[in-house]
N, C-alpha and C. Protein backbone atom coordinates (compact mmCIF):
# COMPACT_ATOMS: atom_id res chain seq x y z
N MET A 1 0.13 -17.56 -23.87
CA MET A 1 1.10 -18.72 -23.92
C MET A 1 1.83 -18.77 -25.17
N SER A 2 3.22 -18.98 -25.11
CA SER A 2 3.98 -19.04 -26.30
C SER A 2 3.81 -20.33 -27.04
N LEU A 3 4.35 -20.35 -28.26
CA LEU A 3 4.21 -21.55 -29.08
C LEU A 3 5.00 -22.75 -28.50
N GLY A 4 6.15 -22.43 -27.90
CA GLY A 4 6.91 -23.54 -27.26
C GLY A 4 6.27 -24.15 -26.04
N GLN A 5 5.56 -23.24 -25.20
CA GLN A 5 4.88 -23.71 -24.05
C GLN A 5 3.65 -24.54 -24.53
N ALA A 6 2.97 -24.06 -25.47
CA ALA A 6 1.83 -24.87 -25.99
C ALA A 6 2.23 -26.21 -26.47
N GLY A 7 3.46 -26.27 -27.13
CA GLY A 7 3.93 -27.55 -27.62
C GLY A 7 4.25 -28.50 -26.53
N MET A 8 4.85 -27.91 -25.44
CA MET A 8 5.21 -28.84 -24.27
C MET A 8 3.94 -29.37 -23.66
N LYS A 9 2.91 -28.52 -23.59
CA LYS A 9 1.69 -28.95 -22.96
C LYS A 9 0.99 -30.06 -23.85
N ALA A 10 1.09 -29.85 -25.09
CA ALA A 10 0.51 -30.87 -26.07
C ALA A 10 1.25 -32.19 -25.93
N VAL A 11 2.53 -32.13 -25.75
CA VAL A 11 3.33 -33.40 -25.60
C VAL A 11 2.95 -34.10 -24.34
N ALA A 12 2.75 -33.30 -23.26
CA ALA A 12 2.38 -33.96 -21.99
C ALA A 12 1.02 -34.62 -22.08
N VAL A 13 0.09 -33.93 -22.68
CA VAL A 13 -1.28 -34.49 -22.88
C VAL A 13 -1.25 -35.75 -23.74
N THR A 14 -0.51 -35.71 -24.83
CA THR A 14 -0.31 -36.87 -25.68
C THR A 14 0.32 -38.10 -24.92
N PHE A 15 1.25 -37.76 -24.09
CA PHE A 15 1.89 -38.78 -23.31
C PHE A 15 0.84 -39.46 -22.35
N CYS A 16 0.04 -38.69 -21.78
CA CYS A 16 -0.97 -39.20 -20.85
C CYS A 16 -2.00 -40.09 -21.58
N VAL A 17 -2.44 -39.63 -22.79
CA VAL A 17 -3.37 -40.36 -23.56
C VAL A 17 -2.85 -41.70 -23.97
N LEU A 18 -1.55 -41.78 -24.36
CA LEU A 18 -0.92 -43.00 -24.72
C LEU A 18 -0.83 -43.94 -23.53
N CYS A 19 -0.53 -43.30 -22.34
CA CYS A 19 -0.45 -44.17 -21.12
C CYS A 19 -1.80 -44.79 -20.80
N PHE A 20 -2.87 -44.05 -20.92
CA PHE A 20 -4.20 -44.57 -20.68
C PHE A 20 -4.51 -45.73 -21.64
N GLN A 21 -4.15 -45.57 -22.93
CA GLN A 21 -4.36 -46.62 -23.91
C GLN A 21 -3.54 -47.85 -23.62
N PHE A 22 -2.33 -47.65 -23.13
CA PHE A 22 -1.45 -48.72 -22.82
C PHE A 22 -2.01 -49.53 -21.56
N GLU A 23 -2.52 -48.79 -20.61
CA GLU A 23 -3.11 -49.43 -19.50
C GLU A 23 -4.31 -50.23 -19.84
N ALA A 24 -5.16 -49.67 -20.81
CA ALA A 24 -6.39 -50.39 -21.18
C ALA A 24 -6.08 -51.66 -21.98
N LEU A 25 -5.01 -51.66 -22.71
CA LEU A 25 -4.72 -52.84 -23.54
C LEU A 25 -3.99 -53.97 -22.80
N TYR A 26 -3.10 -53.49 -21.89
CA TYR A 26 -2.23 -54.47 -21.20
C TYR A 26 -2.47 -54.56 -19.65
N GLY A 27 -3.39 -53.75 -19.24
CA GLY A 27 -3.75 -53.89 -17.81
C GLY A 27 -2.58 -53.40 -16.86
N VAL A 28 -1.66 -52.50 -17.36
CA VAL A 28 -0.59 -52.07 -16.55
C VAL A 28 -0.98 -50.84 -15.84
N ASP A 29 -0.60 -50.86 -14.53
CA ASP A 29 -1.02 -49.68 -13.68
C ASP A 29 0.25 -48.91 -13.31
N GLY A 30 0.18 -47.63 -13.35
CA GLY A 30 1.34 -46.85 -12.93
C GLY A 30 1.90 -45.96 -14.02
N CYS A 31 1.57 -46.24 -15.22
CA CYS A 31 2.08 -45.44 -16.36
C CYS A 31 1.63 -44.00 -16.24
N SER A 32 0.29 -43.86 -16.03
CA SER A 32 -0.29 -42.52 -15.88
C SER A 32 -0.68 -42.30 -14.44
N SER A 33 0.31 -42.24 -13.60
CA SER A 33 0.13 -42.09 -12.19
C SER A 33 -0.12 -40.62 -11.81
N CYS A 34 0.64 -40.15 -10.89
CA CYS A 34 0.32 -38.75 -10.32
C CYS A 34 0.64 -37.69 -11.39
N ALA A 35 1.54 -37.92 -12.29
CA ALA A 35 1.95 -36.90 -13.27
C ALA A 35 0.77 -36.53 -14.18
N CYS A 36 0.04 -37.49 -14.57
CA CYS A 36 -1.15 -37.22 -15.48
C CYS A 36 -2.36 -36.84 -14.73
N LYS A 37 -2.52 -37.43 -13.53
CA LYS A 37 -3.73 -37.10 -12.72
C LYS A 37 -3.63 -35.68 -12.22
N ASN A 38 -2.50 -35.14 -12.02
CA ASN A 38 -2.34 -33.79 -11.44
C ASN A 38 -1.95 -32.82 -12.48
N ILE A 39 -2.30 -32.98 -13.75
CA ILE A 39 -1.82 -32.14 -14.84
C ILE A 39 -2.31 -30.72 -14.70
N ASP A 40 -3.43 -30.51 -14.04
CA ASP A 40 -3.93 -29.09 -13.85
C ASP A 40 -3.69 -28.53 -12.48
N GLN A 41 -2.96 -29.20 -11.63
CA GLN A 41 -2.66 -28.75 -10.31
C GLN A 41 -1.24 -28.16 -10.21
N ALA A 42 -1.11 -27.13 -9.36
CA ALA A 42 0.21 -26.45 -9.18
C ALA A 42 0.83 -26.86 -7.93
N HIS A 43 2.14 -26.65 -7.78
CA HIS A 43 2.86 -26.94 -6.65
C HIS A 43 2.88 -25.86 -5.55
N VAL A 44 2.20 -24.78 -5.92
CA VAL A 44 2.11 -23.65 -5.00
C VAL A 44 0.65 -23.32 -4.78
N SER A 45 0.33 -23.10 -3.54
CA SER A 45 -1.03 -22.82 -3.19
C SER A 45 -1.39 -21.29 -3.05
N ASP A 46 -2.57 -20.86 -3.15
CA ASP A 46 -2.92 -19.45 -3.07
C ASP A 46 -2.54 -18.84 -1.76
N GLY A 47 -2.66 -19.66 -0.73
CA GLY A 47 -2.43 -19.18 0.64
C GLY A 47 -0.90 -18.80 0.83
N GLU A 48 -0.04 -19.31 -0.03
CA GLU A 48 1.38 -19.03 0.11
C GLU A 48 1.79 -17.77 -0.57
N VAL A 49 0.95 -17.24 -1.39
CA VAL A 49 1.32 -15.92 -2.12
C VAL A 49 0.88 -14.79 -1.26
N MET A 50 1.81 -13.82 -1.08
CA MET A 50 1.58 -12.61 -0.19
C MET A 50 1.69 -11.38 -1.00
N VAL A 51 0.85 -10.44 -0.81
CA VAL A 51 0.84 -9.10 -1.38
C VAL A 51 1.03 -8.07 -0.20
N GLU A 52 2.11 -7.31 -0.19
CA GLU A 52 2.43 -6.43 0.88
C GLU A 52 2.70 -5.04 0.30
N PHE A 53 2.39 -4.02 1.15
CA PHE A 53 2.67 -2.63 0.87
C PHE A 53 3.82 -2.16 1.70
N GLU A 54 4.97 -1.81 1.10
CA GLU A 54 6.15 -1.48 1.84
C GLU A 54 6.86 -0.34 1.19
N ASN A 55 7.10 0.72 1.99
CA ASN A 55 7.80 1.92 1.51
C ASN A 55 7.20 2.50 0.23
N GLY A 56 5.94 2.50 0.17
CA GLY A 56 5.24 3.07 -1.04
C GLY A 56 5.20 2.13 -2.26
N ASN A 57 5.66 0.89 -2.06
CA ASN A 57 5.65 -0.13 -3.26
C ASN A 57 4.89 -1.27 -2.83
N PHE A 58 4.33 -1.92 -3.81
CA PHE A 58 3.61 -3.21 -3.70
C PHE A 58 4.55 -4.37 -3.99
N HIS A 59 4.61 -5.35 -3.12
CA HIS A 59 5.38 -6.52 -3.27
C HIS A 59 4.56 -7.75 -3.37
N PHE A 60 4.67 -8.44 -4.54
CA PHE A 60 4.03 -9.77 -4.72
C PHE A 60 5.05 -10.88 -4.51
N THR A 61 4.95 -11.56 -3.37
CA THR A 61 5.95 -12.53 -2.97
C THR A 61 5.39 -13.96 -2.95
N PHE A 62 5.99 -14.92 -3.53
CA PHE A 62 5.58 -16.26 -3.41
C PHE A 62 6.78 -17.23 -3.48
N PRO A 63 6.75 -18.30 -2.69
CA PRO A 63 7.88 -19.24 -2.64
C PRO A 63 7.94 -19.96 -3.97
N ASN A 64 9.20 -20.35 -4.33
CA ASN A 64 9.48 -21.16 -5.55
C ASN A 64 8.89 -22.54 -5.39
N PRO A 65 8.28 -23.07 -6.34
CA PRO A 65 7.74 -24.43 -6.21
C PRO A 65 8.77 -25.47 -5.91
N LYS A 66 8.48 -26.46 -5.07
CA LYS A 66 9.56 -27.43 -4.70
C LYS A 66 9.59 -28.55 -5.72
N SER A 67 10.75 -29.15 -5.81
CA SER A 67 11.07 -30.23 -6.70
C SER A 67 10.77 -29.91 -8.17
N VAL A 68 11.04 -28.66 -8.53
CA VAL A 68 10.84 -28.18 -9.88
C VAL A 68 12.16 -27.61 -10.43
N SER A 69 12.52 -28.00 -11.51
CA SER A 69 13.84 -27.54 -12.13
C SER A 69 13.72 -26.38 -13.09
N GLU A 70 12.50 -26.18 -13.65
CA GLU A 70 12.26 -25.09 -14.60
C GLU A 70 10.85 -24.63 -14.46
N PHE A 71 10.68 -23.32 -14.27
CA PHE A 71 9.33 -22.80 -14.15
C PHE A 71 9.42 -21.27 -14.44
N SER A 72 8.15 -20.68 -14.62
CA SER A 72 8.10 -19.25 -14.88
C SER A 72 7.01 -18.66 -14.03
N MET A 73 7.20 -17.41 -13.58
CA MET A 73 6.26 -16.65 -12.86
C MET A 73 5.88 -15.37 -13.66
N THR A 74 4.58 -15.06 -13.84
CA THR A 74 4.18 -13.89 -14.62
C THR A 74 3.16 -13.11 -13.83
N LEU A 75 3.25 -11.76 -13.93
CA LEU A 75 2.30 -10.84 -13.37
C LEU A 75 1.53 -10.17 -14.47
N PHE A 76 0.19 -10.33 -14.43
CA PHE A 76 -0.65 -9.77 -15.41
C PHE A 76 -1.48 -8.61 -14.85
N LYS A 77 -1.84 -7.64 -15.68
CA LYS A 77 -2.61 -6.52 -15.26
C LYS A 77 -3.95 -6.49 -16.02
N GLY A 78 -5.05 -6.27 -15.30
CA GLY A 78 -6.34 -6.15 -15.92
C GLY A 78 -7.04 -7.44 -16.19
N ARG A 79 -8.28 -7.32 -16.52
CA ARG A 79 -9.08 -8.56 -16.86
C ARG A 79 -8.66 -9.17 -18.14
N GLU A 80 -8.07 -8.43 -19.00
CA GLU A 80 -7.57 -8.87 -20.29
C GLU A 80 -6.27 -9.63 -20.21
N LYS A 81 -5.69 -9.63 -18.95
CA LYS A 81 -4.48 -10.40 -18.69
C LYS A 81 -3.25 -9.84 -19.61
N LYS A 82 -2.99 -8.59 -19.39
CA LYS A 82 -1.81 -7.98 -20.11
C LYS A 82 -0.57 -8.28 -19.29
N GLU A 83 0.40 -8.92 -19.88
CA GLU A 83 1.62 -9.21 -19.22
C GLU A 83 2.47 -8.02 -18.99
N ILE A 84 2.77 -7.78 -17.70
CA ILE A 84 3.66 -6.59 -17.41
C ILE A 84 5.05 -7.03 -16.92
N CYS A 85 5.14 -8.21 -16.27
CA CYS A 85 6.38 -8.56 -15.70
C CYS A 85 6.44 -10.07 -15.64
N ALA A 86 7.60 -10.71 -15.88
CA ALA A 86 7.77 -12.13 -15.88
C ALA A 86 9.18 -12.52 -15.48
N ILE A 87 9.33 -13.71 -14.94
CA ILE A 87 10.71 -14.24 -14.63
C ILE A 87 10.65 -15.77 -14.89
N HIS A 88 11.72 -16.23 -15.60
CA HIS A 88 11.90 -17.64 -15.98
C HIS A 88 13.11 -18.19 -15.26
N LEU A 89 12.92 -19.27 -14.53
CA LEU A 89 14.05 -19.74 -13.76
C LEU A 89 14.30 -21.27 -14.12
N SER A 90 15.51 -21.57 -14.37
CA SER A 90 15.89 -22.97 -14.66
C SER A 90 17.33 -23.18 -13.90
N LYS A 91 17.76 -24.43 -14.02
CA LYS A 91 19.09 -24.67 -13.37
C LYS A 91 20.29 -23.90 -14.05
N GLU A 92 20.08 -23.60 -15.32
CA GLU A 92 21.19 -22.96 -16.05
C GLU A 92 21.26 -21.44 -15.83
N ARG A 93 20.04 -20.82 -15.86
CA ARG A 93 20.00 -19.37 -15.76
C ARG A 93 18.67 -18.84 -15.32
N VAL A 94 18.67 -17.52 -15.09
CA VAL A 94 17.46 -16.80 -14.62
C VAL A 94 17.16 -15.65 -15.68
N ILE A 95 15.99 -15.61 -16.27
CA ILE A 95 15.68 -14.58 -17.26
C ILE A 95 14.49 -13.68 -16.72
N SER A 96 14.72 -12.48 -16.60
CA SER A 96 13.74 -11.51 -16.11
C SER A 96 13.26 -10.66 -17.30
N LYS A 97 11.96 -10.36 -17.35
CA LYS A 97 11.51 -9.54 -18.41
C LYS A 97 10.38 -8.62 -17.83
N SER A 98 10.47 -7.35 -18.22
CA SER A 98 9.46 -6.34 -17.80
C SER A 98 9.03 -5.50 -18.98
N ASN A 99 7.72 -5.44 -19.21
CA ASN A 99 7.18 -4.67 -20.36
C ASN A 99 6.75 -3.23 -19.92
N VAL A 100 6.97 -2.94 -18.65
CA VAL A 100 6.64 -1.63 -18.12
C VAL A 100 7.77 -1.14 -17.19
N THR A 101 7.82 0.23 -16.99
CA THR A 101 8.89 0.77 -16.20
C THR A 101 8.69 0.63 -14.67
N TYR A 102 7.37 0.40 -14.24
CA TYR A 102 7.06 0.42 -12.83
C TYR A 102 7.11 -0.98 -12.22
N CYS A 103 7.48 -2.02 -12.95
CA CYS A 103 7.63 -3.38 -12.38
C CYS A 103 9.02 -3.93 -12.47
N GLN A 104 9.45 -4.43 -11.36
CA GLN A 104 10.76 -5.03 -11.22
C GLN A 104 10.74 -6.44 -10.62
N THR A 105 11.67 -7.25 -10.92
CA THR A 105 11.64 -8.63 -10.36
C THR A 105 12.90 -8.87 -9.46
N GLN A 106 12.69 -9.67 -8.47
CA GLN A 106 13.74 -10.14 -7.53
C GLN A 106 13.48 -11.59 -7.36
N ASN A 107 14.65 -12.38 -7.21
CA ASN A 107 14.48 -13.80 -7.02
C ASN A 107 15.68 -14.32 -6.12
N SER A 108 15.33 -15.39 -5.47
CA SER A 108 16.36 -16.04 -4.64
C SER A 108 16.16 -17.52 -4.83
N SER A 109 16.86 -18.32 -4.02
CA SER A 109 16.72 -19.78 -4.13
C SER A 109 15.44 -20.22 -3.52
N SER A 110 14.75 -19.31 -2.77
CA SER A 110 13.53 -19.79 -2.07
C SER A 110 12.28 -19.02 -2.55
N SER A 111 12.38 -17.83 -3.07
CA SER A 111 11.20 -17.06 -3.37
C SER A 111 11.40 -16.19 -4.65
N THR A 112 10.30 -15.70 -5.20
CA THR A 112 10.29 -14.82 -6.34
C THR A 112 9.43 -13.59 -5.93
N ILE A 113 9.85 -12.39 -6.31
CA ILE A 113 9.14 -11.23 -5.88
C ILE A 113 8.95 -10.30 -7.14
N PHE A 114 7.77 -9.73 -7.28
CA PHE A 114 7.47 -8.74 -8.27
C PHE A 114 7.21 -7.39 -7.38
N ILE A 115 7.90 -6.33 -7.81
CA ILE A 115 7.87 -5.04 -7.07
C ILE A 115 7.25 -4.07 -8.00
N LEU A 116 6.21 -3.39 -7.59
CA LEU A 116 5.54 -2.37 -8.35
C LEU A 116 5.78 -1.01 -7.73
N LYS A 117 6.46 -0.07 -8.48
CA LYS A 117 6.94 1.15 -7.90
C LYS A 117 6.26 2.40 -8.71
N ASN A 118 6.25 3.52 -7.97
CA ASN A 118 5.78 4.77 -8.53
C ASN A 118 4.43 4.63 -9.24
N LEU A 119 3.49 4.10 -8.44
CA LEU A 119 2.13 3.86 -9.03
C LEU A 119 1.26 5.11 -8.85
N GLY A 120 0.35 5.29 -9.72
CA GLY A 120 -0.62 6.39 -9.67
C GLY A 120 -2.05 5.87 -9.95
N LYS A 121 -2.97 6.77 -10.14
CA LYS A 121 -4.33 6.42 -10.40
C LYS A 121 -4.54 5.56 -11.67
N LYS A 122 -3.63 5.81 -12.68
CA LYS A 122 -3.85 5.02 -13.91
C LYS A 122 -3.50 3.58 -13.69
N HIS A 123 -2.80 3.21 -12.59
CA HIS A 123 -2.42 1.84 -12.36
C HIS A 123 -3.43 1.05 -11.53
N ILE A 124 -4.53 1.71 -11.18
CA ILE A 124 -5.59 0.99 -10.40
C ILE A 124 -6.18 -0.13 -11.34
N ASP A 125 -6.07 -1.37 -10.79
CA ASP A 125 -6.57 -2.46 -11.67
C ASP A 125 -6.43 -3.75 -10.85
N VAL A 126 -6.83 -4.86 -11.58
CA VAL A 126 -6.68 -6.18 -10.95
C VAL A 126 -5.35 -6.72 -11.50
N TYR A 127 -4.58 -7.28 -10.49
CA TYR A 127 -3.22 -7.89 -10.86
C TYR A 127 -3.35 -9.39 -10.56
N THR A 128 -2.85 -10.18 -11.49
CA THR A 128 -2.90 -11.60 -11.33
C THR A 128 -1.59 -12.26 -11.49
N CYS A 129 -1.19 -13.13 -10.54
CA CYS A 129 0.07 -13.87 -10.59
C CYS A 129 -0.20 -15.28 -11.09
N CYS A 130 0.59 -15.72 -12.08
CA CYS A 130 0.41 -17.06 -12.63
C CYS A 130 1.67 -17.83 -12.73
N LEU A 131 1.61 -19.07 -12.49
CA LEU A 131 2.79 -19.99 -12.49
C LEU A 131 2.64 -20.96 -13.60
N GLU A 132 3.88 -21.23 -14.26
CA GLU A 132 3.95 -22.25 -15.24
C GLU A 132 5.17 -23.17 -14.93
N ILE A 133 4.91 -24.42 -14.85
CA ILE A 133 5.96 -25.48 -14.59
C ILE A 133 6.25 -26.24 -15.84
N PHE A 134 7.53 -26.27 -16.22
CA PHE A 134 7.95 -26.95 -17.45
C PHE A 134 8.62 -28.27 -17.12
N LEU A 135 9.49 -28.31 -16.17
CA LEU A 135 10.23 -29.49 -15.82
C LEU A 135 10.20 -29.70 -14.33
N PRO A 136 9.99 -30.94 -13.86
CA PRO A 136 9.72 -32.13 -14.64
C PRO A 136 8.31 -32.10 -15.23
N PRO A 137 8.07 -32.96 -16.29
CA PRO A 137 6.72 -33.07 -16.91
C PRO A 137 5.76 -33.57 -15.86
N PRO A 138 4.52 -33.31 -16.05
CA PRO A 138 3.85 -32.63 -17.19
C PRO A 138 3.88 -31.13 -17.04
N TYR A 139 3.62 -30.45 -18.14
CA TYR A 139 3.43 -28.97 -18.08
C TYR A 139 2.22 -28.59 -17.24
N ILE A 140 2.42 -27.65 -16.34
CA ILE A 140 1.37 -27.20 -15.52
C ILE A 140 1.25 -25.67 -15.59
N GLU A 141 0.05 -25.14 -15.73
CA GLU A 141 -0.23 -23.69 -15.71
C GLU A 141 -1.34 -23.35 -14.75
N ARG A 142 -1.12 -22.39 -13.90
CA ARG A 142 -2.20 -22.05 -12.95
C ARG A 142 -2.00 -20.58 -12.47
N CYS A 143 -3.09 -19.87 -12.45
CA CYS A 143 -3.09 -18.58 -11.79
C CYS A 143 -3.25 -18.72 -10.31
N LEU A 144 -2.30 -18.09 -9.58
CA LEU A 144 -2.29 -18.33 -8.12
C LEU A 144 -2.95 -17.23 -7.28
N LYS A 145 -2.87 -15.97 -7.82
CA LYS A 145 -3.32 -14.85 -6.98
C LYS A 145 -3.92 -13.78 -7.84
N GLU A 146 -5.13 -13.27 -7.45
CA GLU A 146 -5.74 -12.18 -8.13
C GLU A 146 -6.01 -11.08 -7.06
N THR A 147 -5.42 -9.92 -7.29
CA THR A 147 -5.53 -8.80 -6.30
C THR A 147 -5.89 -7.54 -6.95
N PHE A 148 -6.80 -6.81 -6.36
CA PHE A 148 -7.18 -5.42 -6.80
C PHE A 148 -6.44 -4.48 -6.02
N LEU A 149 -5.69 -3.60 -6.74
CA LEU A 149 -4.86 -2.60 -6.09
C LEU A 149 -5.55 -1.26 -6.32
N TYR A 150 -5.69 -0.50 -5.25
CA TYR A 150 -6.17 0.88 -5.27
C TYR A 150 -5.01 1.80 -4.93
N ILE A 151 -4.68 2.72 -5.76
CA ILE A 151 -3.53 3.59 -5.51
C ILE A 151 -4.07 5.06 -5.48
N GLN A 152 -3.68 5.76 -4.37
CA GLN A 152 -4.00 7.22 -4.29
C GLN A 152 -2.93 7.99 -5.07
N ASP A 153 -3.42 8.86 -5.96
CA ASP A 153 -2.50 9.61 -6.75
C ASP A 153 -1.69 10.50 -5.89
N LYS A 154 -0.35 10.75 -6.28
CA LYS A 154 0.43 11.60 -5.53
C LYS A 154 0.03 13.02 -5.64
N GLU A 155 -0.63 13.39 -6.71
CA GLU A 155 -1.06 14.82 -6.87
C GLU A 155 -2.18 15.13 -5.79
N ASP A 156 -3.02 14.05 -5.51
CA ASP A 156 -4.06 14.20 -4.47
C ASP A 156 -3.40 14.43 -3.10
N CYS A 157 -2.35 13.64 -2.88
CA CYS A 157 -1.67 13.78 -1.62
C CYS A 157 -1.03 15.15 -1.45
N PHE A 158 -0.48 15.67 -2.58
CA PHE A 158 0.11 17.02 -2.60
C PHE A 158 -0.88 18.08 -2.28
N SER A 159 -2.05 17.92 -3.00
CA SER A 159 -3.16 18.92 -2.84
C SER A 159 -3.66 18.90 -1.38
N LEU A 160 -3.82 17.65 -0.83
CA LEU A 160 -4.25 17.55 0.50
C LEU A 160 -3.29 18.10 1.46
N GLY A 161 -1.97 17.94 1.30
CA GLY A 161 -0.98 18.55 2.11
C GLY A 161 -0.95 20.08 2.03
N LEU A 162 -1.07 20.51 0.80
CA LEU A 162 -1.11 22.00 0.59
C LEU A 162 -2.31 22.63 1.27
N MET A 163 -3.44 22.00 1.08
CA MET A 163 -4.69 22.53 1.79
C MET A 163 -4.50 22.54 3.32
N LEU A 164 -3.81 21.49 3.86
CA LEU A 164 -3.66 21.42 5.22
C LEU A 164 -2.77 22.57 5.73
N TRP A 165 -1.66 22.84 4.96
CA TRP A 165 -0.77 23.94 5.30
C TRP A 165 -1.50 25.30 5.26
N ILE A 166 -2.31 25.47 4.18
CA ILE A 166 -3.14 26.73 4.10
C ILE A 166 -4.03 26.92 5.26
N ILE A 167 -4.72 25.84 5.69
CA ILE A 167 -5.60 25.95 6.90
C ILE A 167 -4.82 26.33 8.16
N ILE A 168 -3.65 25.69 8.32
CA ILE A 168 -2.75 25.96 9.47
C ILE A 168 -2.33 27.35 9.44
N GLY A 169 -1.97 27.94 8.17
CA GLY A 169 -1.49 29.29 8.09
C GLY A 169 -2.59 30.32 8.37
N VAL A 170 -3.84 30.00 7.92
CA VAL A 170 -4.96 30.92 8.27
C VAL A 170 -5.24 30.95 9.76
N ILE A 171 -5.12 29.70 10.43
CA ILE A 171 -5.37 29.72 11.87
C ILE A 171 -4.31 30.51 12.62
N ILE A 172 -3.02 30.35 12.19
CA ILE A 172 -1.94 31.06 12.82
C ILE A 172 -2.11 32.61 12.64
N PHE A 173 -2.48 32.97 11.40
CA PHE A 173 -2.72 34.37 11.10
C PHE A 173 -3.88 34.96 12.03
N ALA A 174 -4.97 34.24 12.14
CA ALA A 174 -6.04 34.65 12.91
C ALA A 174 -5.66 34.84 14.43
N ILE A 175 -4.86 33.86 14.95
CA ILE A 175 -4.43 33.94 16.30
C ILE A 175 -3.55 35.16 16.48
N SER A 176 -2.66 35.45 15.50
CA SER A 176 -1.73 36.58 15.54
C SER A 176 -2.50 37.89 15.60
N CYS A 177 -3.60 37.95 14.72
CA CYS A 177 -4.42 39.18 14.73
C CYS A 177 -5.10 39.39 16.09
N VAL A 178 -5.59 38.36 16.70
CA VAL A 178 -6.27 38.47 17.97
C VAL A 178 -5.33 38.97 19.00
N CYS A 179 -4.06 38.37 18.98
CA CYS A 179 -3.11 38.75 19.96
C CYS A 179 -2.68 40.24 19.74
N CYS A 180 -2.62 40.73 18.51
CA CYS A 180 -2.26 42.08 18.22
C CYS A 180 -3.41 43.01 18.76
N VAL A 181 -4.60 42.65 18.53
CA VAL A 181 -5.77 43.45 19.02
C VAL A 181 -5.76 43.60 20.52
N VAL A 182 -5.56 42.41 21.17
CA VAL A 182 -5.51 42.40 22.62
C VAL A 182 -4.35 43.30 23.12
N ALA A 183 -3.16 43.20 22.50
CA ALA A 183 -2.03 43.93 22.95
C ALA A 183 -2.30 45.40 22.79
N CYS A 184 -2.90 45.83 21.67
CA CYS A 184 -3.21 47.28 21.40
C CYS A 184 -4.23 47.77 22.49
N CYS A 185 -5.23 47.02 22.76
CA CYS A 185 -6.22 47.41 23.78
C CYS A 185 -5.56 47.60 25.13
N LEU A 186 -4.71 46.65 25.49
CA LEU A 186 -4.08 46.82 26.83
C LEU A 186 -3.15 48.00 26.84
N ARG A 187 -2.50 48.24 25.71
CA ARG A 187 -1.58 49.40 25.59
C ARG A 187 -2.39 50.67 25.72
N ASN A 188 -3.46 50.84 25.01
CA ASN A 188 -4.28 52.04 25.10
C ASN A 188 -4.86 52.26 26.52
N LYS A 189 -5.21 51.08 27.13
CA LYS A 189 -5.80 51.17 28.44
C LYS A 189 -4.75 51.74 29.45
N ASN A 190 -3.50 51.29 29.26
CA ASN A 190 -2.44 51.69 30.17
C ASN A 190 -2.18 53.20 29.95
N GLN A 191 -2.10 53.60 28.67
CA GLN A 191 -1.86 55.02 28.37
C GLN A 191 -2.94 55.91 28.91
N LYS A 192 -4.20 55.46 28.89
CA LYS A 192 -5.27 56.22 29.39
C LYS A 192 -5.21 56.37 30.88
N CYS A 193 -4.79 55.29 31.56
CA CYS A 193 -4.66 55.32 32.99
C CYS A 193 -3.58 56.26 33.36
N GLU A 194 -2.47 56.26 32.70
CA GLU A 194 -1.37 57.11 32.98
C GLU A 194 -1.79 58.64 32.82
N SER A 195 -2.56 58.85 31.70
CA SER A 195 -3.00 60.23 31.47
C SER A 195 -3.93 60.69 32.52
N ASN A 196 -4.90 59.85 32.99
CA ASN A 196 -5.77 60.29 34.05
C ASN A 196 -4.98 60.55 35.40
N SER A 197 -4.03 59.71 35.66
CA SER A 197 -3.26 59.88 36.85
C SER A 197 -2.50 61.25 36.82
N HIS A 198 -1.96 61.63 35.67
CA HIS A 198 -1.25 62.83 35.50
C HIS A 198 -2.18 64.04 35.62
N GLU A 199 -3.37 64.03 35.12
CA GLU A 199 -4.35 65.08 35.25
C GLU A 199 -4.75 65.24 36.73
N TYR A 200 -4.86 64.09 37.47
CA TYR A 200 -5.31 64.22 38.85
C TYR A 200 -4.29 64.91 39.63
N ASN A 201 -2.97 64.61 39.40
CA ASN A 201 -1.94 65.25 40.17
C ASN A 201 -1.81 66.77 39.81
N SER A 202 -2.07 67.17 38.56
CA SER A 202 -1.91 68.57 38.14
C SER A 202 -3.01 69.42 38.77
N GLU A 203 -4.16 68.84 39.15
CA GLU A 203 -5.22 69.66 39.79
C GLU A 203 -4.92 70.06 41.19
N TYR A 204 -4.14 69.28 41.82
CA TYR A 204 -3.76 69.62 43.20
C TYR A 204 -2.48 70.31 43.34
N MET A 205 -1.74 70.51 42.29
CA MET A 205 -0.47 71.26 42.36
C MET A 205 -0.66 72.71 42.73
N PRO A 206 -1.58 73.54 42.22
CA PRO A 206 -1.79 74.92 42.67
C PRO A 206 -2.13 75.04 44.10
N MET A 207 -2.77 73.99 44.70
CA MET A 207 -3.15 74.12 46.07
C MET A 207 -2.06 73.77 47.08
N ALA A 208 -0.91 73.53 46.53
CA ALA A 208 0.20 73.15 47.44
C ALA A 208 0.61 74.33 48.27
N ALA A 209 0.95 74.12 49.56
CA ALA A 209 1.30 75.20 50.47
C ALA A 209 2.58 75.85 49.99
N VAL A 210 2.55 77.24 50.15
CA VAL A 210 3.75 77.98 49.71
C VAL A 210 4.21 78.80 50.93
N ASN A 211 5.41 78.72 51.37
CA ASN A 211 5.89 79.43 52.45
C ASN A 211 6.14 80.87 52.12
N ALA A 212 5.59 81.77 52.95
CA ALA A 212 5.74 83.27 52.64
C ALA A 212 7.18 83.69 52.98
N ALA A 213 7.59 84.53 52.20
CA ALA A 213 9.00 85.05 52.31
C ALA A 213 9.01 85.89 53.67
N LYS A 214 9.98 85.54 54.48
CA LYS A 214 10.12 86.27 55.70
C LYS A 214 10.78 87.62 55.45
N LYS A 215 10.11 88.60 56.14
CA LYS A 215 10.66 90.02 56.08
C LYS A 215 11.94 90.11 57.00
N PRO A 216 12.84 90.69 56.38
CA PRO A 216 14.08 90.84 57.18
C PRO A 216 13.89 91.81 58.29
N ARG A 217 14.42 91.51 59.41
CA ARG A 217 14.28 92.28 60.68
C ARG A 217 15.41 93.32 60.67
N ILE A 218 15.00 94.55 61.11
CA ILE A 218 16.03 95.59 61.29
C ILE A 218 16.56 95.59 62.67
């Protein structure tokens, strides 16, 4: 949490304490109504946050809190809560920040999206989405979603694909060899049959009838 955010939260807490004291002294009800009673509650529930896998990328999508004029969404990595991506939205402007190359932000009037791209084994970890509401008071901070992402390394996919192609190649080669052996055997068998047939015919050729030459008559 930054120094400015901590200051806003301290102001909100001080405001609530003063309200409680004012109610105790003067019996006035309503000063510390819902704003102070819900200081630790967020306007977005866990059920509304979605984590999707699309086209090889992870999308963390959640609707923007209603009736809020300024808020921040932050995506943290690991149990130590390392900030990797954040977006700050107000009526005046939208500020996006990314501390890593694999995280991008998208926002619209209704939702905010963190997109994680080109992930590998080194990115396997717990990812946490947190919301901070600045305006209207009081300051609210809450972590909305904690998700464990398991990423299969691209090198493993390449090795698996290469091994698959090698197996297919070996199978095709084996089938080709079997076909060649069968073709050679059939060819040799046909040649042997033709040779036997030729020898059979040659044995009976000398026994063929020969017409004797007729003697000329005088």
